[in-house]
Amino acid sequence: MHIALVAHDSKKADLADWAYYNREKLAPHRLSGTGTTGGLIAETVGLEVHRYNSGPLGGDMQIGGAISEGTLDMLVFF
């Protein structure tokens, strides 16, 4: 599955904690995230994360495009 991980600024740490707790379940999947969140997850969890642009620079729209194109299977949003 292709899973995107996105969080508001005030929830980034919570998402990183959640991803770390679920790292074994996330590991077999293709992960993506907006720029800052994706970097935080990669650093905290140690998994490879494709990084779209930062949210203010269009990353949210890129993820929305992946949803509409059917290339994203799941979105986790905190």
PDB file of N, CA and C in Angstrom:
ATOM      1  N   MET A   1       0.835  -1.187   0.000  1.00  0.00           N
ATOM      2  CA  MET A   1       0.000   0.000   0.000  1.00  0.00           C
ATOM      3  C   MET A   1       0.880   1.250   0.000  1.00  0.00           C
ATOM      4  N   HIS A   2       0.342   2.303  -0.581  1.00  0.00           N
ATOM      5  CA  HIS A   2       0.984   3.616  -0.546  1.00  0.00           C
ATOM      6  C   HIS A   2       0.225   4.438   0.496  1.00  0.00           C
ATOM      7  N   ILE A   3       0.905   4.811   1.574  1.00  0.00           N
ATOM      8  CA  ILE A   3       0.294   5.499   2.710  1.00  0.00           C
ATOM      9  C   ILE A   3       0.926   6.879   2.859  1.00  0.00           C
ATOM     10  N   ALA A   4       0.091   7.904   2.933  1.00  0.00           N
ATOM     11  CA  ALA A   4       0.572   9.262   3.185  1.00  0.00           C
ATOM     12  C   ALA A   4       0.358   9.609   4.652  1.00  0.00           C
ATOM     13  N   LEU A   5       1.321  10.277   5.246  1.00  0.00           N
ATOM     14  CA  LEU A   5       1.278  10.705   6.644  1.00  0.00           C
ATOM     15  C   LEU A   5       1.367  12.226   6.671  1.00  0.00           C
ATOM     16  N   VAL A   6       0.340  12.866   7.226  1.00  0.00           N
ATOM     17  CA  VAL A   6       0.257  14.324   7.241  1.00  0.00           C
ATOM     18  C   VAL A   6      -0.221  14.777   8.618  1.00  0.00           C
ATOM     19  N   ALA A   7       0.308  15.909   9.104  1.00  0.00           N
ATOM     20  CA  ALA A   7      -0.117  16.427  10.410  1.00  0.00           C
ATOM     21  C   ALA A   7      -0.048  17.950  10.431  1.00  0.00           C
ATOM     22  N   HIS A   8      -0.995  18.538  11.150  1.00  0.00           N
ATOM     23  CA  HIS A   8      -0.905  19.963  11.456  1.00  0.00           C
ATOM     24  C   HIS A   8       0.335  20.172  12.320  1.00  0.00           C
ATOM     25  N   ASP A   9       0.857  21.378  12.334  1.00  0.00           N
ATOM     26  CA  ASP A   9       2.070  21.660  13.104  1.00  0.00           C
ATOM     27  C   ASP A   9       1.964  21.209  14.553  1.00  0.00           C
ATOM     28  N   SER A  10       0.829  21.459  15.185  1.00  0.00           N
ATOM     29  CA  SER A  10       0.676  21.115  16.604  1.00  0.00           C
ATOM     30  C   SER A  10       0.523  19.613  16.843  1.00  0.00           C
ATOM     31  N   LYS A  11       0.383  18.829  15.775  1.00  0.00           N
ATOM     32  CA  LYS A  11       0.187  17.379  15.906  1.00  0.00           C
ATOM     33  C   LYS A  11       1.332  16.553  15.324  1.00  0.00           C
ATOM     34  N   LYS A  12       2.382  17.207  14.836  1.00  0.00           N
ATOM     35  CA  LYS A  12       3.490  16.478  14.208  1.00  0.00           C
ATOM     36  C   LYS A  12       4.142  15.500  15.183  1.00  0.00           C
ATOM     37  N   ALA A  13       4.375  15.921  16.408  1.00  0.00           N
ATOM     38  CA  ALA A  13       4.988  15.032  17.403  1.00  0.00           C
ATOM     39  C   ALA A  13       4.085  13.834  17.694  1.00  0.00           C
ATOM     40  N   ASP A  14       2.773  14.068  17.754  1.00  0.00           N
ATOM     41  CA  ASP A  14       1.831  12.969  17.993  1.00  0.00           C
ATOM     42  C   ASP A  14       1.875  11.958  16.844  1.00  0.00           C
ATOM     43  N   LEU A  15       1.931  12.449  15.608  1.00  0.00           N
ATOM     44  CA  LEU A  15       2.002  11.554  14.458  1.00  0.00           C
ATOM     45  C   LEU A  15       3.321  10.786  14.470  1.00  0.00           C
ATOM     46  N   ALA A  16       4.417  11.443  14.819  1.00  0.00           N
ATOM     47  CA  ALA A  16       5.711  10.766  14.893  1.00  0.00           C
ATOM     48  C   ALA A  16       5.675   9.666  15.953  1.00  0.00           C
ATOM     49  N   ASP A  17       5.069   9.942  17.091  1.00  0.00           N
ATOM     50  CA  ASP A  17       4.929   8.925  18.139  1.00  0.00           C
ATOM     51  C   ASP A  17       4.090   7.754  17.652  1.00  0.00           C
ATOM     52  N   TRP A  18       2.987   8.054  16.973  1.00  0.00           N
ATOM     53  CA  TRP A  18       2.102   7.011  16.432  1.00  0.00           C
ATOM     54  C   TRP A  18       2.853   6.159  15.409  1.00  0.00           C
ATOM     55  N   ALA A  19       3.597   6.803  14.520  1.00  0.00           N
ATOM     56  CA  ALA A  19       4.339   6.082  13.484  1.00  0.00           C
ATOM     57  C   ALA A  19       5.432   5.211  14.109  1.00  0.00           C
ATOM     58  N   TYR A  20       6.094   5.716  15.140  1.00  0.00           N
ATOM     59  CA  TYR A  20       7.116   4.924  15.815  1.00  0.00           C
ATOM     60  C   TYR A  20       6.486   3.695  16.455  1.00  0.00           C
ATOM     61  N   TYR A  21       5.373   3.873  17.118  1.00  0.00           N
ATOM     62  CA  TYR A  21       4.655   2.759  17.755  1.00  0.00           C
ATOM     63  C   TYR A  21       4.229   1.725  16.714  1.00  0.00           C
ATOM     64  N   ASN A  22       3.863   2.181  15.514  1.00  0.00           N
ATOM     65  CA  ASN A  22       3.366   1.306  14.448  1.00  0.00           C
ATOM     66  C   ASN A  22       4.404   1.016  13.365  1.00  0.00           C
ATOM     67  N   ARG A  23       5.681   1.265  13.643  1.00  0.00           N
ATOM     68  CA  ARG A  23       6.724   1.155  12.622  1.00  0.00           C
ATOM     69  C   ARG A  23       6.791  -0.224  11.975  1.00  0.00           C
ATOM     70  N   GLU A  24       6.566  -1.279  12.712  1.00  0.00           N
ATOM     71  CA  GLU A  24       6.622  -2.622  12.118  1.00  0.00           C
ATOM     72  C   GLU A  24       5.477  -2.835  11.128  1.00  0.00           C
ATOM     73  N   LYS A  25       4.331  -2.245  11.400  1.00  0.00           N
ATOM     74  CA  LYS A  25       3.192  -2.356  10.493  1.00  0.00           C
ATOM     75  C   LYS A  25       3.368  -1.451   9.271  1.00  0.00           C
ATOM     76  N   LEU A  26       4.051  -0.331   9.452  1.00  0.00           N
ATOM     77  CA  LEU A  26       4.263   0.613   8.356  1.00  0.00           C
ATOM     78  C   LEU A  26       5.420   0.193   7.446  1.00  0.00           C
ATOM     79  N   ALA A  27       6.392  -0.529   7.984  1.00  0.00           N
ATOM     80  CA  ALA A  27       7.624  -0.841   7.258  1.00  0.00           C
ATOM     81  C   ALA A  27       7.419  -1.485   5.881  1.00  0.00           C
ATOM     82  N   PRO A  28       6.468  -2.403   5.704  1.00  0.00           N
ATOM     83  CA  PRO A  28       6.351  -3.019   4.380  1.00  0.00           C
ATOM     84  C   PRO A  28       5.693  -2.139   3.317  1.00  0.00           C
ATOM     85  N   HIS A  29       5.207  -0.971   3.718  1.00  0.00           N
ATOM     86  CA  HIS A  29       4.446  -0.122   2.812  1.00  0.00           C
ATOM     87  C   HIS A  29       5.290   1.030   2.281  1.00  0.00           C
ATOM     88  N   ARG A  30       4.829   1.611   1.187  1.00  0.00           N
ATOM     89  CA  ARG A  30       5.448   2.819   0.624  1.00  0.00           C
ATOM     90  C   ARG A  30       4.863   4.006   1.387  1.00  0.00           C
ATOM     91  N   LEU A  31       5.707   4.798   1.998  1.00  0.00           N
ATOM     92  CA  LEU A  31       5.262   5.933   2.810  1.00  0.00           C
ATOM     93  C   LEU A  31       5.582   7.244   2.115  1.00  0.00           C
ATOM     94  N   SER A  32       4.676   8.196   2.255  1.00  0.00           N
ATOM     95  CA  SER A  32       4.869   9.551   1.750  1.00  0.00           C
ATOM     96  C   SER A  32       4.398  10.533   2.805  1.00  0.00           C
ATOM     97  N   GLY A  33       4.827  11.758   2.670  1.00  0.00           N
ATOM     98  CA  GLY A  33       4.379  12.807   3.568  1.00  0.00           C
ATOM     99  C   GLY A  33       4.715  14.162   2.994  1.00  0.00           C
ATOM    100  N   THR A  34       4.142  15.185   3.570  1.00  0.00           N
ATOM    101  CA  THR A  34       4.533  16.531   3.187  1.00  0.00           C
ATOM    102  C   THR A  34       5.959  16.752   3.693  1.00  0.00           C
ATOM    103  N   GLY A  35       6.617  17.773   3.201  1.00  0.00           N
ATOM    104  CA  GLY A  35       8.035  17.968   3.452  1.00  0.00           C
ATOM    105  C   GLY A  35       8.483  17.850   4.888  1.00  0.00           C
ATOM    106  N   THR A  36       7.975  18.673   5.758  1.00  0.00           N
ATOM    107  CA  THR A  36       8.410  18.683   7.149  1.00  0.00           C
ATOM    108  C   THR A  36       7.981  17.421   7.873  1.00  0.00           C
ATOM    109  N   THR A  37       6.726  17.034   7.704  1.00  0.00           N
ATOM    110  CA  THR A  37       6.219  15.839   8.384  1.00  0.00           C
ATOM    111  C   THR A  37       6.953  14.599   7.898  1.00  0.00           C
ATOM    112  N   GLY A  38       7.153  14.476   6.598  1.00  0.00           N
ATOM    113  CA  GLY A  38       7.864  13.323   6.051  1.00  0.00           C
ATOM    114  C   GLY A  38       9.276  13.215   6.592  1.00  0.00           C
ATOM    115  N   GLY A  39       9.956  14.344   6.695  1.00  0.00           N
ATOM    116  CA  GLY A  39      11.305  14.355   7.246  1.00  0.00           C
ATOM    117  C   GLY A  39      11.336  13.949   8.703  1.00  0.00           C
ATOM    118  N   LEU A  40      10.374  14.443   9.469  1.00  0.00           N
ATOM    119  CA  LEU A  40      10.285  14.102  10.882  1.00  0.00           C
ATOM    120  C   LEU A  40      10.036  12.608  11.073  1.00  0.00           C
ATOM    121  N   ILE A  41       9.120  12.049  10.278  1.00  0.00           N
ATOM    122  CA  ILE A  41       8.821  10.615  10.381  1.00  0.00           C
ATOM    123  C   ILE A  41      10.057   9.800  10.009  1.00  0.00           C
ATOM    124  N   ALA A  42      10.716  10.158   8.921  1.00  0.00           N
ATOM    125  CA  ALA A  42      11.907   9.419   8.492  1.00  0.00           C
ATOM    126  C   ALA A  42      12.983   9.442   9.581  1.00  0.00           C
ATOM    127  N   GLU A  43      13.195  10.603  10.174  1.00  0.00           N
ATOM    128  CA  GLU A  43      14.217  10.749  11.201  1.00  0.00           C
ATOM    129  C   GLU A  43      13.836  10.027  12.484  1.00  0.00           C
ATOM    130  N   THR A  44      12.598  10.166  12.910  1.00  0.00           N
ATOM    131  CA  THR A  44      12.145   9.593  14.173  1.00  0.00           C
ATOM    132  C   THR A  44      11.978   8.084  14.105  1.00  0.00           C
ATOM    133  N   VAL A  45      11.405   7.604  13.003  1.00  0.00           N
ATOM    134  CA  VAL A  45      11.022   6.201  12.891  1.00  0.00           C
ATOM    135  C   VAL A  45      12.097   5.374  12.189  1.00  0.00           C
ATOM    136  N   GLY A  46      12.889   6.021  11.335  1.00  0.00           N
ATOM    137  CA  GLY A  46      13.925   5.298  10.623  1.00  0.00           C
ATOM    138  C   GLY A  46      13.430   4.570   9.387  1.00  0.00           C
ATOM    139  N   LEU A  47      12.286   4.990   8.868  1.00  0.00           N
ATOM    140  CA  LEU A  47      11.747   4.407   7.644  1.00  0.00           C
ATOM    141  C   LEU A  47      11.910   5.396   6.494  1.00  0.00           C
ATOM    142  N   GLU A  48      11.996   4.873   5.281  1.00  0.00           N
ATOM    143  CA  GLU A  48      12.084   5.733   4.115  1.00  0.00           C
ATOM    144  C   GLU A  48      10.719   6.376   3.857  1.00  0.00           C
ATOM    145  N   VAL A  49      10.716   7.679   3.664  1.00  0.00           N
ATOM    146  CA  VAL A  49       9.483   8.423   3.415  1.00  0.00           C
ATOM    147  C   VAL A  49       9.703   9.341   2.213  1.00  0.00           C
ATOM    148  N   HIS A  50       8.899   9.143   1.163  1.00  0.00           N
ATOM    149  CA  HIS A  50       8.939  10.069   0.024  1.00  0.00           C
ATOM    150  C   HIS A  50       8.366  11.392   0.503  1.00  0.00           C
ATOM    151  N   ARG A  51       9.076  12.473   0.225  1.00  0.00           N
ATOM    152  CA  ARG A  51       8.621  13.780   0.699  1.00  0.00           C
ATOM    153  C   ARG A  51       8.118  14.626  -0.456  1.00  0.00           C
ATOM    154  N   TYR A  52       6.842  14.971  -0.367  1.00  0.00           N
ATOM    155  CA  TYR A  52       6.273  15.962  -1.280  1.00  0.00           C
ATOM    156  C   TYR A  52       6.731  17.334  -0.793  1.00  0.00           C
ATOM    157  N   ASN A  53       6.310  18.383  -1.458  1.00  0.00           N
ATOM    158  CA  ASN A  53       6.620  19.737  -0.997  1.00  0.00           C
ATOM    159  C   ASN A  53       6.043  19.940   0.401  1.00  0.00           C
ATOM    160  N   SER A  54       6.538  20.931   1.073  1.00  0.00           N
ATOM    161  CA  SER A  54       5.967  21.333   2.346  1.00  0.00           C
ATOM    162  C   SER A  54       4.523  21.772   2.103  1.00  0.00           C
ATOM    163  N   GLY A  55       3.676  21.634   3.102  1.00  0.00           N
ATOM    164  CA  GLY A  55       2.263  21.978   2.948  1.00  0.00           C
ATOM    165  C   GLY A  55       2.011  23.351   2.348  1.00  0.00           C
ATOM    166  N   PRO A  56       2.630  24.417   2.883  1.00  0.00           N
ATOM    167  CA  PRO A  56       2.405  25.747   2.338  1.00  0.00           C
ATOM    168  C   PRO A  56       2.914  25.923   0.907  1.00  0.00           C
ATOM    169  N   LEU A  57       3.772  25.010   0.471  1.00  0.00           N
ATOM    170  CA  LEU A  57       4.315  25.091  -0.888  1.00  0.00           C
ATOM    171  C   LEU A  57       3.622  24.116  -1.839  1.00  0.00           C
ATOM    172  N   GLY A  58       2.485  23.589  -1.422  1.00  0.00           N
ATOM    173  CA  GLY A  58       1.690  22.752  -2.307  1.00  0.00           C
ATOM    174  C   GLY A  58       1.701  21.267  -2.022  1.00  0.00           C
ATOM    175  N   GLY A  59       2.382  20.831  -0.968  1.00  0.00           N
ATOM    176  CA  GLY A  59       2.443  19.414  -0.645  1.00  0.00           C
ATOM    177  C   GLY A  59       1.083  18.787  -0.402  1.00  0.00           C
ATOM    178  N   ASP A  60       0.207  19.532   0.281  1.00  0.00           N
ATOM    179  CA  ASP A  60      -1.153  19.023   0.516  1.00  0.00           C
ATOM    180  C   ASP A  60      -1.878  18.803  -0.802  1.00  0.00           C
ATOM    181  N   MET A  61      -1.666  19.713  -1.742  1.00  0.00           N
ATOM    182  CA  MET A  61      -2.294  19.578  -3.054  1.00  0.00           C
ATOM    183  C   MET A  61      -1.700  18.403  -3.828  1.00  0.00           C
ATOM    184  N   GLN A  62      -0.402  18.169  -3.681  1.00  0.00           N
ATOM    185  CA  GLN A  62       0.221  17.025  -4.337  1.00  0.00           C
ATOM    186  C   GLN A  62      -0.364  15.713  -3.801  1.00  0.00           C
ATOM    187  N   ILE A  63      -0.566  15.650  -2.508  1.00  0.00           N
ATOM    188  CA  ILE A  63      -1.171  14.453  -1.915  1.00  0.00           C
ATOM    189  C   ILE A  63      -2.611  14.311  -2.384  1.00  0.00           C
ATOM    190  N   GLY A  64      -3.337  15.430  -2.454  1.00  0.00           N
ATOM    191  CA  GLY A  64      -4.695  15.394  -2.989  1.00  0.00           C
ATOM    192  C   GLY A  64      -4.713  14.887  -4.423  1.00  0.00           C
ATOM    193  N   GLY A  65      -3.725  15.287  -5.209  1.00  0.00           N
ATOM    194  CA  GLY A  65      -3.612  14.802  -6.581  1.00  0.00           C
ATOM    195  C   GLY A  65      -3.377  13.299  -6.622  1.00  0.00           C
ATOM    196  N   ALA A  66      -2.538  12.795  -5.717  1.00  0.00           N
ATOM    197  CA  ALA A  66      -2.272  11.353  -5.656  1.00  0.00           C
ATOM    198  C   ALA A  66      -3.541  10.592  -5.286  1.00  0.00           C
ATOM    199  N   ILE A  67      -4.361  11.178  -4.421  1.00  0.00           N
ATOM    200  CA  ILE A  67      -5.642  10.554  -4.059  1.00  0.00           C
ATOM    201  C   ILE A  67      -6.546  10.505  -5.284  1.00  0.00           C
ATOM    202  N   SER A  68      -6.667  11.636  -5.982  1.00  0.00           N
ATOM    203  CA  SER A  68      -7.572  11.686  -7.141  1.00  0.00           C
ATOM    204  C   SER A  68      -7.091  10.810  -8.290  1.00  0.00           C
ATOM    205  N   GLU A  69      -5.780  10.606  -8.404  1.00  0.00           N
ATOM    206  CA  GLU A  69      -5.222   9.757  -9.459  1.00  0.00           C
ATOM    207  C   GLU A  69      -5.252   8.273  -9.085  1.00  0.00           C
ATOM    208  N   GLY A  70      -5.572   7.981  -7.842  1.00  0.00           N
ATOM    209  CA  GLY A  70      -5.643   6.598  -7.399  1.00  0.00           C
ATOM    210  C   GLY A  70      -4.294   5.976  -7.077  1.00  0.00           C
ATOM    211  N   THR A  71      -3.252   6.803  -6.887  1.00  0.00           N
ATOM    212  CA  THR A  71      -1.933   6.257  -6.565  1.00  0.00           C
ATOM    213  C   THR A  71      -1.659   6.227  -5.060  1.00  0.00           C
ATOM    214  N   LEU A  72      -2.594   6.731  -4.286  1.00  0.00           N
ATOM    215  CA  LEU A  72      -2.471   6.725  -2.826  1.00  0.00           C
ATOM    216  C   LEU A  72      -3.600   5.853  -2.282  1.00  0.00           C
ATOM    217  N   ASP A  73      -3.234   4.921  -1.413  1.00  0.00           N
ATOM    218  CA  ASP A  73      -4.224   3.985  -0.882  1.00  0.00           C
ATOM    219  C   ASP A  73      -4.807   4.437   0.456  1.00  0.00           C
ATOM    220  N   MET A  74      -4.033   5.199   1.216  1.00  0.00           N
ATOM    221  CA  MET A  74      -4.484   5.539   2.568  1.00  0.00           C
ATOM    222  C   MET A  74      -3.840   6.846   3.000  1.00  0.00           C
ATOM    223  N   LEU A  75      -4.569   7.641   3.735  1.00  0.00           N
ATOM    224  CA  LEU A  75      -4.066   8.890   4.289  1.00  0.00           C
ATOM    225  C   LEU A  75      -4.275   8.853   5.798  1.00  0.00           C
ATOM    226  N   VAL A  76      -3.187   9.074   6.547  1.00  0.00           N
ATOM    227  CA  VAL A  76      -3.265   9.201   7.996  1.00  0.00           C
ATOM    228  C   VAL A  76      -3.023  10.673   8.289  1.00  0.00           C
ATOM    229  N   PHE A  77      -4.023  11.319   8.893  1.00  0.00           N
ATOM    230  CA  PHE A  77      -3.956  12.761   9.122  1.00  0.00           C
ATOM    231  C   PHE A  77      -4.208  13.059  10.590  1.00  0.00           C
ATOM    232  N   PHE A  78      -3.243  13.719  11.215  1.00  0.00           N
ATOM    233  CA  PHE A  78      -3.401  14.136  12.619  1.00  0.00           C
ATOM    234  C   PHE A  78      -3.570  15.629  12.649  1.00  0.00           C
TER     235      PHE A  78
END
